[in-house]
N, C-alpha and C. Protein backbone atom coordinates (compact mmCIF):
# COMPACT_ATOMS: atom_id res chain seq x y z
N MET A 1 85.49 103.45 93.96
CA MET A 1 86.37 103.89 95.04
C MET A 1 87.62 104.56 94.48
N THR A 2 88.13 105.48 95.22
CA THR A 2 89.33 106.17 94.80
C THR A 2 90.56 105.36 95.20
N ASN A 3 91.70 105.68 94.63
CA ASN A 3 92.92 104.88 94.83
C ASN A 3 93.34 104.73 96.28
N LEU A 4 93.41 105.83 97.03
CA LEU A 4 93.85 105.76 98.40
C LEU A 4 92.88 104.95 99.25
N VAL A 5 91.60 105.10 98.96
CA VAL A 5 90.58 104.32 99.68
C VAL A 5 90.78 102.83 99.36
N LYS A 6 91.00 102.50 98.10
CA LYS A 6 91.21 101.10 97.71
C LYS A 6 92.44 100.50 98.37
N GLN A 7 93.49 101.32 98.58
CA GLN A 7 94.70 100.82 99.23
C GLN A 7 94.45 100.48 100.69
N MET A 8 93.54 101.20 101.32
CA MET A 8 93.33 101.04 102.76
C MET A 8 92.14 100.15 103.11
N PHE A 9 91.16 100.07 102.21
CA PHE A 9 89.93 99.34 102.52
C PHE A 9 89.49 98.47 101.34
N THR A 10 89.17 97.23 101.64
CA THR A 10 88.55 96.36 100.63
C THR A 10 87.04 96.59 100.67
N LYS A 11 86.36 96.05 99.68
CA LYS A 11 84.90 96.12 99.69
C LYS A 11 84.36 95.40 100.91
N GLU A 12 85.03 94.33 101.31
CA GLU A 12 84.61 93.57 102.51
C GLU A 12 84.78 94.42 103.77
N ASP A 13 85.84 95.22 103.83
CA ASP A 13 86.04 96.12 104.97
C ASP A 13 84.87 97.11 105.07
N LEU A 14 84.53 97.71 103.96
CA LEU A 14 83.44 98.70 103.96
C LEU A 14 82.10 98.06 104.30
N ALA A 15 81.89 96.83 103.81
CA ALA A 15 80.67 96.09 104.15
C ALA A 15 80.64 95.77 105.64
N ALA A 16 81.77 95.41 106.22
CA ALA A 16 81.84 95.11 107.65
C ALA A 16 81.54 96.35 108.49
N VAL A 17 82.01 97.50 108.04
CA VAL A 17 81.72 98.75 108.76
C VAL A 17 80.22 99.06 108.67
N ALA A 18 79.63 98.90 107.49
CA ALA A 18 78.19 99.13 107.33
C ALA A 18 77.39 98.18 108.22
N SER A 19 77.83 96.95 108.31
CA SER A 19 77.17 95.96 109.18
C SER A 19 77.29 96.38 110.64
N ALA A 20 78.46 96.87 111.03
CA ALA A 20 78.65 97.32 112.41
C ALA A 20 77.74 98.51 112.74
N ILE A 21 77.55 99.39 111.76
CA ILE A 21 76.62 100.51 111.97
C ILE A 21 75.22 99.98 112.21
N GLY A 22 74.77 99.04 111.38
CA GLY A 22 73.45 98.44 111.56
C GLY A 22 73.28 97.79 112.92
N GLU A 23 74.31 97.08 113.37
CA GLU A 23 74.28 96.42 114.69
C GLU A 23 74.23 97.46 115.81
N ALA A 24 75.04 98.49 115.71
CA ALA A 24 75.07 99.53 116.74
C ALA A 24 73.73 100.24 116.83
N GLU A 25 73.09 100.45 115.70
CA GLU A 25 71.82 101.17 115.70
C GLU A 25 70.64 100.33 116.18
N LYS A 26 70.85 99.04 116.41
CA LYS A 26 69.78 98.21 116.96
C LYS A 26 69.44 98.57 118.41
N THR A 27 70.36 99.26 119.10
CA THR A 27 70.13 99.59 120.51
C THR A 27 69.91 101.07 120.75
N THR A 28 69.90 101.87 119.68
CA THR A 28 69.77 103.32 119.85
C THR A 28 68.92 103.96 118.77
N ALA A 29 68.33 105.08 119.14
CA ALA A 29 67.61 105.90 118.16
C ALA A 29 68.57 106.80 117.39
N GLY A 30 69.84 106.78 117.78
CA GLY A 30 70.86 107.58 117.09
C GLY A 30 71.13 107.04 115.71
N GLU A 31 71.67 107.91 114.86
CA GLU A 31 72.01 107.54 113.48
C GLU A 31 73.50 107.78 113.25
N ILE A 32 74.21 106.71 112.94
CA ILE A 32 75.66 106.77 112.76
C ILE A 32 75.98 106.70 111.27
N ARG A 33 76.87 107.59 110.83
CA ARG A 33 77.37 107.54 109.45
C ARG A 33 78.89 107.58 109.46
N VAL A 34 79.48 106.95 108.46
CA VAL A 34 80.93 107.02 108.24
C VAL A 34 81.12 107.54 106.82
N SER A 35 81.96 108.56 106.71
CA SER A 35 82.26 109.13 105.40
C SER A 35 83.78 109.18 105.23
N ILE A 36 84.24 108.69 104.07
CA ILE A 36 85.67 108.65 103.78
C ILE A 36 85.94 109.46 102.53
N ARG A 37 86.79 110.46 102.67
CA ARG A 37 87.23 111.26 101.53
C ARG A 37 88.70 111.00 101.30
N GLN A 38 89.09 110.88 100.05
CA GLN A 38 90.50 110.66 99.74
C GLN A 38 91.31 111.91 100.03
N LYS A 39 90.86 113.05 99.52
CA LYS A 39 91.63 114.27 99.69
C LYS A 39 90.73 115.50 99.64
N ARG A 40 91.33 116.61 100.00
CA ARG A 40 90.65 117.90 99.95
C ARG A 40 90.50 118.35 98.50
N LYS A 41 89.46 119.12 98.27
CA LYS A 41 89.38 119.83 97.00
C LYS A 41 90.24 121.08 97.16
N TRP A 42 90.68 121.63 96.04
CA TRP A 42 91.57 122.79 96.09
C TRP A 42 90.98 123.91 96.93
N ARG A 43 89.69 124.17 96.77
CA ARG A 43 89.05 125.28 97.48
C ARG A 43 88.90 125.01 98.99
N GLU A 44 89.17 123.79 99.41
CA GLU A 44 89.06 123.43 100.83
C GLU A 44 90.42 123.46 101.56
N LYS A 45 91.46 123.88 100.88
CA LYS A 45 92.81 123.74 101.45
C LYS A 45 93.00 124.47 102.77
N LYS A 46 92.24 125.50 103.03
CA LYS A 46 92.40 126.23 104.29
C LYS A 46 91.38 125.82 105.35
N ARG A 47 90.52 124.90 105.02
CA ARG A 47 89.50 124.46 106.00
C ARG A 47 90.09 123.48 106.99
N SER A 48 89.59 123.55 108.23
CA SER A 48 89.99 122.58 109.25
C SER A 48 89.22 121.28 109.02
N ILE A 49 89.70 120.21 109.64
CA ILE A 49 89.01 118.93 109.54
C ILE A 49 87.60 119.05 110.12
N GLU A 50 87.43 119.83 111.19
CA GLU A 50 86.10 120.01 111.77
C GLU A 50 85.18 120.74 110.80
N GLU A 51 85.67 121.77 110.14
CA GLU A 51 84.84 122.50 109.16
C GLU A 51 84.43 121.57 108.03
N MET A 52 85.35 120.75 107.59
CA MET A 52 85.03 119.80 106.51
C MET A 52 84.01 118.78 106.98
N ALA A 53 84.14 118.31 108.22
CA ALA A 53 83.18 117.35 108.76
C ALA A 53 81.79 117.99 108.86
N ARG A 54 81.73 119.24 109.28
CA ARG A 54 80.43 119.95 109.37
C ARG A 54 79.77 120.06 107.99
N GLN A 55 80.58 120.37 106.98
CA GLN A 55 80.05 120.46 105.62
C GLN A 55 79.51 119.09 105.16
N GLU A 56 80.28 118.06 105.41
CA GLU A 56 79.86 116.70 105.04
C GLU A 56 78.58 116.30 105.78
N PHE A 57 78.51 116.64 107.06
CA PHE A 57 77.35 116.36 107.90
C PHE A 57 76.08 116.93 107.24
N HIS A 58 76.20 118.19 106.81
CA HIS A 58 75.05 118.84 106.17
C HIS A 58 74.76 118.24 104.81
N SER A 59 75.80 117.99 104.01
CA SER A 59 75.57 117.46 102.66
C SER A 59 74.97 116.05 102.68
N LEU A 60 75.21 115.31 103.76
CA LEU A 60 74.62 113.97 103.89
C LEU A 60 73.21 114.00 104.49
N GLY A 61 72.70 115.20 104.78
CA GLY A 61 71.35 115.35 105.33
C GLY A 61 71.23 114.93 106.78
N MET A 62 72.34 114.96 107.50
CA MET A 62 72.32 114.43 108.86
C MET A 62 71.66 115.35 109.88
N THR A 63 71.41 116.60 109.51
CA THR A 63 70.73 117.52 110.43
C THR A 63 69.22 117.30 110.39
N LYS A 64 68.75 116.43 109.54
CA LYS A 64 67.30 116.25 109.36
C LYS A 64 66.73 115.06 110.13
N THR A 65 67.53 114.45 111.03
CA THR A 65 66.98 113.35 111.81
C THR A 65 65.96 113.90 112.81
N LYS A 66 65.01 113.07 113.17
CA LYS A 66 63.86 113.49 113.99
C LYS A 66 64.26 114.21 115.28
N ASN A 67 65.18 113.67 116.01
CA ASN A 67 65.59 114.27 117.30
C ASN A 67 67.01 114.80 117.29
N ARG A 68 67.53 115.09 116.07
CA ARG A 68 68.89 115.61 115.92
C ARG A 68 69.91 114.68 116.57
N THR A 69 69.77 113.38 116.24
CA THR A 69 70.62 112.35 116.84
C THR A 69 71.57 111.69 115.83
N GLY A 70 72.04 112.47 114.86
CA GLY A 70 73.01 111.96 113.91
C GLY A 70 74.43 112.16 114.42
N ILE A 71 75.30 111.24 114.07
CA ILE A 71 76.73 111.37 114.42
C ILE A 71 77.56 110.85 113.24
N LEU A 72 78.57 111.61 112.90
CA LEU A 72 79.40 111.32 111.73
C LEU A 72 80.84 111.05 112.16
N ILE A 73 81.43 110.01 111.59
CA ILE A 73 82.87 109.80 111.65
C ILE A 73 83.38 110.13 110.26
N PHE A 74 84.09 111.24 110.15
CA PHE A 74 84.54 111.76 108.87
C PHE A 74 86.06 111.57 108.73
N PHE A 75 86.48 110.96 107.64
CA PHE A 75 87.90 110.70 107.39
C PHE A 75 88.39 111.49 106.19
N LEU A 76 89.57 112.06 106.33
CA LEU A 76 90.27 112.71 105.24
C LEU A 76 91.61 111.98 105.11
N LEU A 77 91.65 111.01 104.20
CA LEU A 77 92.77 110.07 104.15
C LEU A 77 94.12 110.71 103.83
N GLN A 78 94.15 111.59 102.84
CA GLN A 78 95.42 112.17 102.43
C GLN A 78 96.07 112.96 103.58
N ASP A 79 95.25 113.58 104.43
CA ASP A 79 95.76 114.33 105.56
C ASP A 79 95.97 113.46 106.81
N LYS A 80 95.55 112.21 106.71
CA LYS A 80 95.62 111.27 107.85
C LYS A 80 94.92 111.85 109.08
N LYS A 81 93.71 112.35 108.86
CA LYS A 81 92.92 112.94 109.93
C LYS A 81 91.50 112.42 109.88
N PHE A 82 90.84 112.46 111.05
CA PHE A 82 89.43 112.15 111.10
C PHE A 82 88.81 112.96 112.23
N PHE A 83 87.48 113.06 112.17
CA PHE A 83 86.76 113.87 113.16
C PHE A 83 85.42 113.23 113.43
N ILE A 84 85.03 113.19 114.71
CA ILE A 84 83.72 112.68 115.09
C ILE A 84 82.85 113.88 115.42
N LEU A 85 81.73 113.99 114.72
CA LEU A 85 80.84 115.15 114.87
C LEU A 85 79.43 114.68 115.21
N ALA A 86 78.93 115.16 116.35
CA ALA A 86 77.58 114.80 116.80
C ALA A 86 76.65 115.99 116.61
N ASP A 87 75.39 115.69 116.26
CA ASP A 87 74.38 116.73 116.09
C ASP A 87 74.00 117.32 117.45
N ASP A 88 73.24 118.40 117.44
CA ASP A 88 72.88 119.15 118.65
C ASP A 88 72.19 118.30 119.70
N GLY A 89 71.28 117.42 119.28
CA GLY A 89 70.55 116.60 120.25
C GLY A 89 71.47 115.69 121.05
N ILE A 90 72.49 115.20 120.43
CA ILE A 90 73.47 114.35 121.11
C ILE A 90 74.42 115.20 121.95
N HIS A 91 74.92 116.24 121.34
CA HIS A 91 75.91 117.09 122.00
C HIS A 91 75.38 117.64 123.34
N ALA A 92 74.08 117.88 123.40
CA ALA A 92 73.49 118.43 124.62
C ALA A 92 73.50 117.43 125.78
N LYS A 93 73.59 116.12 125.48
CA LYS A 93 73.48 115.12 126.54
C LYS A 93 74.77 114.34 126.83
N VAL A 94 75.58 114.14 125.83
CA VAL A 94 76.78 113.31 126.01
C VAL A 94 77.90 114.17 126.61
N GLU A 95 78.59 113.60 127.57
CA GLU A 95 79.65 114.28 128.31
C GLU A 95 80.78 114.75 127.39
N ASP A 96 81.27 115.96 127.65
CA ASP A 96 82.42 116.47 126.90
C ASP A 96 83.59 115.50 127.04
N GLY A 97 84.32 115.33 125.96
CA GLY A 97 85.48 114.43 125.99
C GLY A 97 85.17 113.02 125.55
N THR A 98 83.88 112.65 125.48
CA THR A 98 83.50 111.29 125.10
C THR A 98 84.01 110.94 123.70
N TRP A 99 83.80 111.83 122.74
CA TRP A 99 84.20 111.54 121.37
C TRP A 99 85.72 111.56 121.25
N ASP A 100 86.39 112.43 122.03
CA ASP A 100 87.86 112.45 122.01
C ASP A 100 88.42 111.13 122.49
N LYS A 101 87.80 110.58 123.54
CA LYS A 101 88.25 109.28 124.08
C LYS A 101 88.12 108.19 123.03
N ILE A 102 86.97 108.16 122.37
CA ILE A 102 86.74 107.16 121.32
C ILE A 102 87.71 107.38 120.15
N ALA A 103 87.94 108.64 119.78
CA ALA A 103 88.88 108.95 118.70
C ALA A 103 90.29 108.47 119.04
N ASN A 104 90.70 108.65 120.30
CA ASN A 104 92.03 108.18 120.71
C ASN A 104 92.13 106.66 120.61
N GLU A 105 91.08 105.95 121.01
CA GLU A 105 91.08 104.49 120.90
C GLU A 105 91.16 104.08 119.42
N MET A 106 90.42 104.77 118.57
CA MET A 106 90.47 104.48 117.14
C MET A 106 91.89 104.74 116.60
N SER A 107 92.48 105.85 117.01
CA SER A 107 93.83 106.20 116.55
C SER A 107 94.85 105.14 116.91
N ASN A 108 94.68 104.52 118.07
CA ASN A 108 95.59 103.45 118.47
C ASN A 108 95.53 102.29 117.47
N HIS A 109 94.34 101.95 117.02
CA HIS A 109 94.20 100.90 115.99
C HIS A 109 94.83 101.36 114.67
N PHE A 110 94.56 102.62 114.30
CA PHE A 110 95.07 103.13 113.02
C PHE A 110 96.59 103.15 113.00
N SER A 111 97.22 103.46 114.13
CA SER A 111 98.67 103.53 114.18
C SER A 111 99.31 102.15 113.92
N GLN A 112 98.51 101.10 114.11
CA GLN A 112 98.99 99.74 113.84
C GLN A 112 98.46 99.23 112.49
N LYS A 113 97.94 100.17 111.68
CA LYS A 113 97.39 99.87 110.34
C LYS A 113 96.14 98.98 110.40
N ASN A 114 95.45 98.98 111.52
CA ASN A 114 94.20 98.22 111.66
C ASN A 114 93.01 99.16 111.44
N PHE A 115 92.84 99.60 110.19
CA PHE A 115 91.82 100.61 109.88
C PHE A 115 90.41 100.07 110.04
N ARG A 116 90.15 98.89 109.51
CA ARG A 116 88.81 98.29 109.64
C ARG A 116 88.45 98.11 111.12
N ILE A 117 89.36 97.53 111.89
CA ILE A 117 89.12 97.29 113.31
C ILE A 117 88.89 98.60 114.04
N GLY A 118 89.70 99.61 113.71
CA GLY A 118 89.57 100.91 114.36
C GLY A 118 88.23 101.57 114.11
N ILE A 119 87.79 101.54 112.87
CA ILE A 119 86.49 102.15 112.56
C ILE A 119 85.35 101.38 113.24
N ILE A 120 85.41 100.07 113.17
CA ILE A 120 84.36 99.25 113.78
C ILE A 120 84.35 99.47 115.29
N HIS A 121 85.52 99.57 115.91
CA HIS A 121 85.60 99.86 117.34
C HIS A 121 84.91 101.20 117.63
N GLY A 122 85.20 102.20 116.82
CA GLY A 122 84.58 103.51 117.00
C GLY A 122 83.08 103.47 116.87
N VAL A 123 82.60 102.78 115.84
CA VAL A 123 81.15 102.65 115.62
C VAL A 123 80.47 101.97 116.81
N LYS A 124 81.07 100.88 117.27
CA LYS A 124 80.49 100.15 118.41
C LYS A 124 80.49 101.02 119.67
N SER A 125 81.59 101.72 119.93
CA SER A 125 81.69 102.58 121.11
C SER A 125 80.68 103.72 121.05
N ILE A 126 80.51 104.31 119.87
CA ILE A 126 79.52 105.37 119.70
C ILE A 126 78.13 104.81 119.96
N GLY A 127 77.85 103.61 119.43
CA GLY A 127 76.56 102.98 119.66
C GLY A 127 76.26 102.79 121.13
N VAL A 128 77.26 102.36 121.89
CA VAL A 128 77.10 102.16 123.34
C VAL A 128 76.76 103.49 124.02
N GLU A 129 77.48 104.54 123.67
CA GLU A 129 77.22 105.86 124.26
C GLU A 129 75.82 106.35 123.90
N LEU A 130 75.45 106.22 122.63
CA LEU A 130 74.14 106.70 122.19
C LEU A 130 73.01 105.95 122.88
N SER A 131 73.19 104.64 123.09
CA SER A 131 72.11 103.85 123.70
C SER A 131 71.83 104.27 125.14
N LYS A 132 72.81 104.90 125.80
CA LYS A 132 72.59 105.38 127.17
C LYS A 132 71.60 106.54 127.21
N PHE A 133 71.66 107.40 126.21
CA PHE A 133 70.85 108.61 126.20
C PHE A 133 69.70 108.57 125.21
N PHE A 134 69.86 107.76 124.18
CA PHE A 134 68.86 107.66 123.12
C PHE A 134 68.53 106.21 122.81
N PRO A 135 67.91 105.51 123.79
CA PRO A 135 67.60 104.10 123.53
C PRO A 135 66.62 103.97 122.36
N ARG A 136 66.74 102.86 121.68
CA ARG A 136 65.84 102.59 120.55
C ARG A 136 64.42 102.42 121.05
N LYS A 137 63.48 103.01 120.35
CA LYS A 137 62.06 102.90 120.69
C LYS A 137 61.39 101.96 119.70
N SER A 138 60.23 101.48 120.07
CA SER A 138 59.54 100.50 119.21
C SER A 138 59.16 101.10 117.86
N ASP A 139 58.97 102.41 117.78
CA ASP A 139 58.58 103.03 116.51
C ASP A 139 59.77 103.64 115.76
N ASP A 140 60.99 103.29 116.20
CA ASP A 140 62.19 103.86 115.59
C ASP A 140 62.36 103.37 114.16
N THR A 141 62.75 104.26 113.29
CA THR A 141 63.05 103.89 111.89
C THR A 141 64.48 104.29 111.58
N ASN A 142 65.09 103.59 110.63
CA ASN A 142 66.43 103.91 110.20
C ASN A 142 66.34 105.12 109.27
N GLU A 143 66.73 106.29 109.77
CA GLU A 143 66.56 107.53 109.02
C GLU A 143 67.68 107.79 108.01
N LEU A 144 68.85 107.21 108.23
CA LEU A 144 69.98 107.43 107.33
C LEU A 144 70.58 106.10 106.90
N PRO A 145 71.14 106.05 105.69
CA PRO A 145 71.75 104.78 105.23
C PRO A 145 72.92 104.36 106.11
N ASN A 146 73.17 103.07 106.18
CA ASN A 146 74.27 102.54 106.98
C ASN A 146 75.55 102.37 106.18
N ASP A 147 75.46 102.48 104.85
CA ASP A 147 76.65 102.25 104.02
C ASP A 147 77.69 103.34 104.29
N VAL A 148 78.93 103.01 104.00
CA VAL A 148 80.03 103.97 104.14
C VAL A 148 80.01 104.88 102.91
N HIS A 149 79.98 106.17 103.14
CA HIS A 149 79.98 107.13 102.06
C HIS A 149 81.43 107.38 101.66
N VAL A 150 81.77 107.09 100.41
CA VAL A 150 83.16 107.21 99.92
C VAL A 150 83.17 108.16 98.73
N ARG A 151 84.12 109.13 98.80
CA ARG A 151 84.32 109.99 97.63
C ARG A 151 85.70 110.58 97.62
C-alpha cells in the first residue's frame, strides 16, 4: 500500500470493504469494484476524475462482464475526489442521478473522516440499486474480484 492509502485505510478496512462487495453481490448479477489511487501520474495531470475512472474501468477488465453490469467506485486520494462509473448495461436501466445521490451520501461520511463507513455505505447502496434491475440468477458467477484495487 502507498503512504496516503495507509494513512486512511487499515488492512482491516480494505478487507471489510471487500467483504461488503461480496455481500452486496449476493443479491445481484452486477459486479462492483473499488479502486483507490494515491495520486495522478504526471501524464494524467489534465485528465478529469471521470476520464481517469473510465481508464481504470477498462484496465480492470470491467467492460468484459457478461451483461455489461460492472460498476466502479474510483478514488483519487491526493485530489480528494471519487467517481462512480457504471457500464452501459447498468446505465441504460438505472435512473439518472442515482449514483450522484449515493456519492453525496458517501461524501457526508468522508467529511467526518469515516472513510471505511462511507465506502461500505456506497457499496451497499449500489448493491440495492443493482438488485432492482439485475437480480442474481441461479447460474450467476463472480466475474470480477471483490478485493479493493490499490495503487
